[in-house]
C-alpha atoms as a PDB file:
ATOM      1  CA  MET A   1     -14.418 -18.214  13.677  1.00  0.00           C
ATOM      2  CA  THR A   2     -16.622 -16.250  11.284  1.00  0.00           C
ATOM      3  CA  ALA A   3     -16.859 -13.340  13.712  1.00  0.00           C
ATOM      4  CA  SER A   4     -13.080 -13.156  14.042  1.00  0.00           C
ATOM      5  CA  VAL A   5     -12.642 -13.205  10.249  1.00  0.00           C
ATOM      6  CA  ASN A   6     -15.269 -10.489   9.846  1.00  0.00           C
ATOM      7  CA  SER A   7     -13.624  -8.479  12.602  1.00  0.00           C
ATOM      8  CA  PHE A   8     -10.226  -8.812  10.935  1.00  0.00           C
ATOM      9  CA  LEU A   9     -11.521  -7.865   7.480  1.00  0.00           C
ATOM     10  CA  GLY A  10     -13.872  -5.176   8.751  1.00  0.00           C
ATOM     11  CA  ASP A  11     -16.824  -6.771   6.928  1.00  0.00           C
ATOM     12  CA  SER A  12     -17.818 -10.088   5.401  1.00  0.00           C
ATOM     13  CA  PRO A  13     -15.241 -11.668   3.060  1.00  0.00           C
ATOM     14  CA  GLY A  14     -17.471 -11.174   0.014  1.00  0.00           C
ATOM     15  CA  ARG A  15     -18.110  -7.500   0.679  1.00  0.00           C
ATOM     16  CA  THR A  16     -14.432  -6.938   1.434  1.00  0.00           C
ATOM     17  CA  ALA A  17     -13.449  -8.597  -1.850  1.00  0.00           C
ATOM     18  CA  ILE A  18     -15.901  -6.393  -3.771  1.00  0.00           C
ATOM     19  CA  LYS A  19     -14.577  -3.262  -2.047  1.00  0.00           C
ATOM     20  CA  LEU A  20     -10.986  -4.247  -2.832  1.00  0.00           C
ATOM     21  CA  VAL A  21     -11.854  -4.881  -6.490  1.00  0.00           C
ATOM     22  CA  VAL A  22     -13.482  -1.446  -6.760  1.00  0.00           C
ATOM     23  CA  VAL A  23     -10.542   0.313  -5.078  1.00  0.00           C
ATOM     24  CA  CYS A  24      -8.053  -1.597  -7.261  1.00  0.00           C
ATOM     25  CA  LEU A  25      -9.988  -0.552 -10.358  1.00  0.00           C
ATOM     26  CA  ILE A  26     -10.022   3.106  -9.316  1.00  0.00           C
ATOM     27  CA  VAL A  27      -6.313   3.124  -8.429  1.00  0.00           C
ATOM     28  CA  GLY A  28      -5.538   1.310 -11.685  1.00  0.00           C
ATOM     29  CA  VAL A  29      -7.399   3.939 -13.716  1.00  0.00           C
ATOM     30  CA  VAL A  30      -5.579   6.767 -11.925  1.00  0.00           C
ATOM     31  CA  LEU A  31      -2.169   5.127 -12.374  1.00  0.00           C
ATOM     32  CA  ALA A  32      -2.902   4.463 -16.064  1.00  0.00           C
ATOM     33  CA  TRP A  33      -3.936   8.104 -16.443  1.00  0.00           C
ATOM     34  CA  LEU A  34      -0.601   9.106 -14.905  1.00  0.00           C
ATOM     35  CA  GLY A  35       1.200   6.900 -17.424  1.00  0.00           C
ATOM     36  CA  TYR A  36       2.199   3.998 -15.220  1.00  0.00           C
ATOM     37  CA  THR A  37       2.011   0.419 -16.413  1.00  0.00           C
ATOM     38  CA  PRO A  38       2.520  -2.832 -14.513  1.00  0.00           C
ATOM     39  CA  ASP A  39       5.822  -3.247 -16.371  1.00  0.00           C
ATOM     40  CA  ASN A  40       6.982   0.194 -15.222  1.00  0.00           C
ATOM     41  CA  ILE A  41       6.152  -0.544 -11.592  1.00  0.00           C
ATOM     42  CA  VAL A  42       7.663  -4.046 -11.585  1.00  0.00           C
ATOM     43  CA  GLY A  43      10.701  -2.751 -13.472  1.00  0.00           C
ATOM     44  CA  SER A  44      11.131   0.036 -10.936  1.00  0.00           C
ATOM     45  CA  ILE A  45      10.943  -2.419  -8.052  1.00  0.00           C
ATOM     46  CA  ARG A  46      13.410  -4.739  -9.803  1.00  0.00           C
ATOM     47  CA  TYR A  47      15.770  -1.845 -10.526  1.00  0.00           C
ATOM     48  CA  HIS A  48      15.549  -0.682  -6.907  1.00  0.00           C
ATOM     49  CA  PHE A  49      16.513  -4.104  -5.538  1.00  0.00           C
ATOM     50  CA  LEU A  50      19.351  -4.377  -8.032  1.00  0.00           C
ATOM     51  CA  ASP A  51      20.495  -0.930  -6.935  1.00  0.00           C
ATOM     52  CA  ILE A  52      20.507  -2.113  -3.307  1.00  0.00           C
ATOM     53  CA  TRP A  53      22.481  -5.190  -4.288  1.00  0.00           C
ATOM     54  CA  TYR A  54      25.057  -3.259  -6.302  1.00  0.00           C
ATOM     55  CA  ASN A  55      25.454  -0.297  -3.989  1.00  0.00           C
ATOM     56  CA  GLY A  56      25.345  -2.257  -0.759  1.00  0.00           C
ATOM     57  CA  PHE A  57      24.448  -0.613   2.507  1.00  0.00           C
ATOM     58  CA  GLU A  58      24.541   2.890   1.057  1.00  0.00           C
ATOM     59  CA  ALA A  59      21.212   2.165  -0.623  1.00  0.00           C
ATOM     60  CA  LEU A  60      19.672   1.134   2.699  1.00  0.00           C
ATOM     61  CA  GLY A  61      19.649   4.817   3.619  1.00  0.00           C
ATOM     62  CA  THR A  62      17.454   5.379   0.545  1.00  0.00           C
ATOM     63  CA  VAL A  63      15.068   2.665   1.739  1.00  0.00           C
ATOM     64  CA  GLY A  64      15.003   4.309   5.151  1.00  0.00           C
ATOM     65  CA  ASN A  65      14.112   7.614   3.510  1.00  0.00           C
ATOM     66  CA  TYR A  66      11.309   5.919   1.570  1.00  0.00           C
ATOM     67  CA  LEU A  67      10.079   4.309   4.778  1.00  0.00           C
ATOM     68  CA  LEU A  68      10.136   7.608   6.633  1.00  0.00           C
ATOM     69  CA  LEU A  69       8.472   9.457   3.760  1.00  0.00           C
ATOM     70  CA  GLY A  70       5.724   6.846   3.569  1.00  0.00           C
ATOM     71  CA  ALA A  71       5.287   6.795   7.347  1.00  0.00           C
ATOM     72  CA  ILE A  72       4.776  10.564   7.403  1.00  0.00           C
ATOM     73  CA  VAL A  73       1.711  10.060   5.196  1.00  0.00           C
ATOM     74  CA  VAL A  74       0.447   6.613   6.226  1.00  0.00           C
ATOM     75  CA  ILE A  75       0.643   6.776  10.039  1.00  0.00           C
ATOM     76  CA  PRO A  76      -1.516   9.924  10.471  1.00  0.00           C
ATOM     77  CA  ILE A  77      -4.095   8.544   8.021  1.00  0.00           C
ATOM     78  CA  PHE A  78      -4.135   5.256   9.937  1.00  0.00           C
ATOM     79  CA  VAL A  79      -4.593   7.036  13.273  1.00  0.00           C
ATOM     80  CA  VAL A  80      -7.430   9.203  11.911  1.00  0.00           C
ATOM     81  CA  LEU A  81      -9.200   6.185  10.406  1.00  0.00           C
ATOM     82  CA  ARG A  82      -8.869   4.227  13.648  1.00  0.00           C
ATOM     83  CA  LEU A  83     -10.182   7.189  15.666  1.00  0.00           C
ATOM     84  CA  MET A  84     -13.123   7.540  13.306  1.00  0.00           C
ATOM     85  CA  SER A  85     -13.955   3.824  13.608  1.00  0.00           C
ATOM     86  CA  PHE A  86     -13.484   3.972  17.414  1.00  0.00           C
ATOM     87  CA  ARG A  87     -16.279   6.515  17.756  1.00  0.00           C
ATOM     88  CA  ARG A  88     -18.823   4.107  16.252  1.00  0.00           C
END
């Protein structure tokens, strides 16, 4: 069971937790530098879902655009990272 957990996480649970804390800290500093706060982000998410509710299916096209925009960035990065880890 431990090997499957380590395989899923990519490392031991403790090391993975430490890595995630460090990355969260770095991203938090960058977002704070850009002027974002947790309230801004949560408020934006709340506003977006209210917008979907009030505008109905028209807003689903906006979500699709966000999904496509994110996929254009995330999928190539994922493929490159998997190829880099495959070579090891």
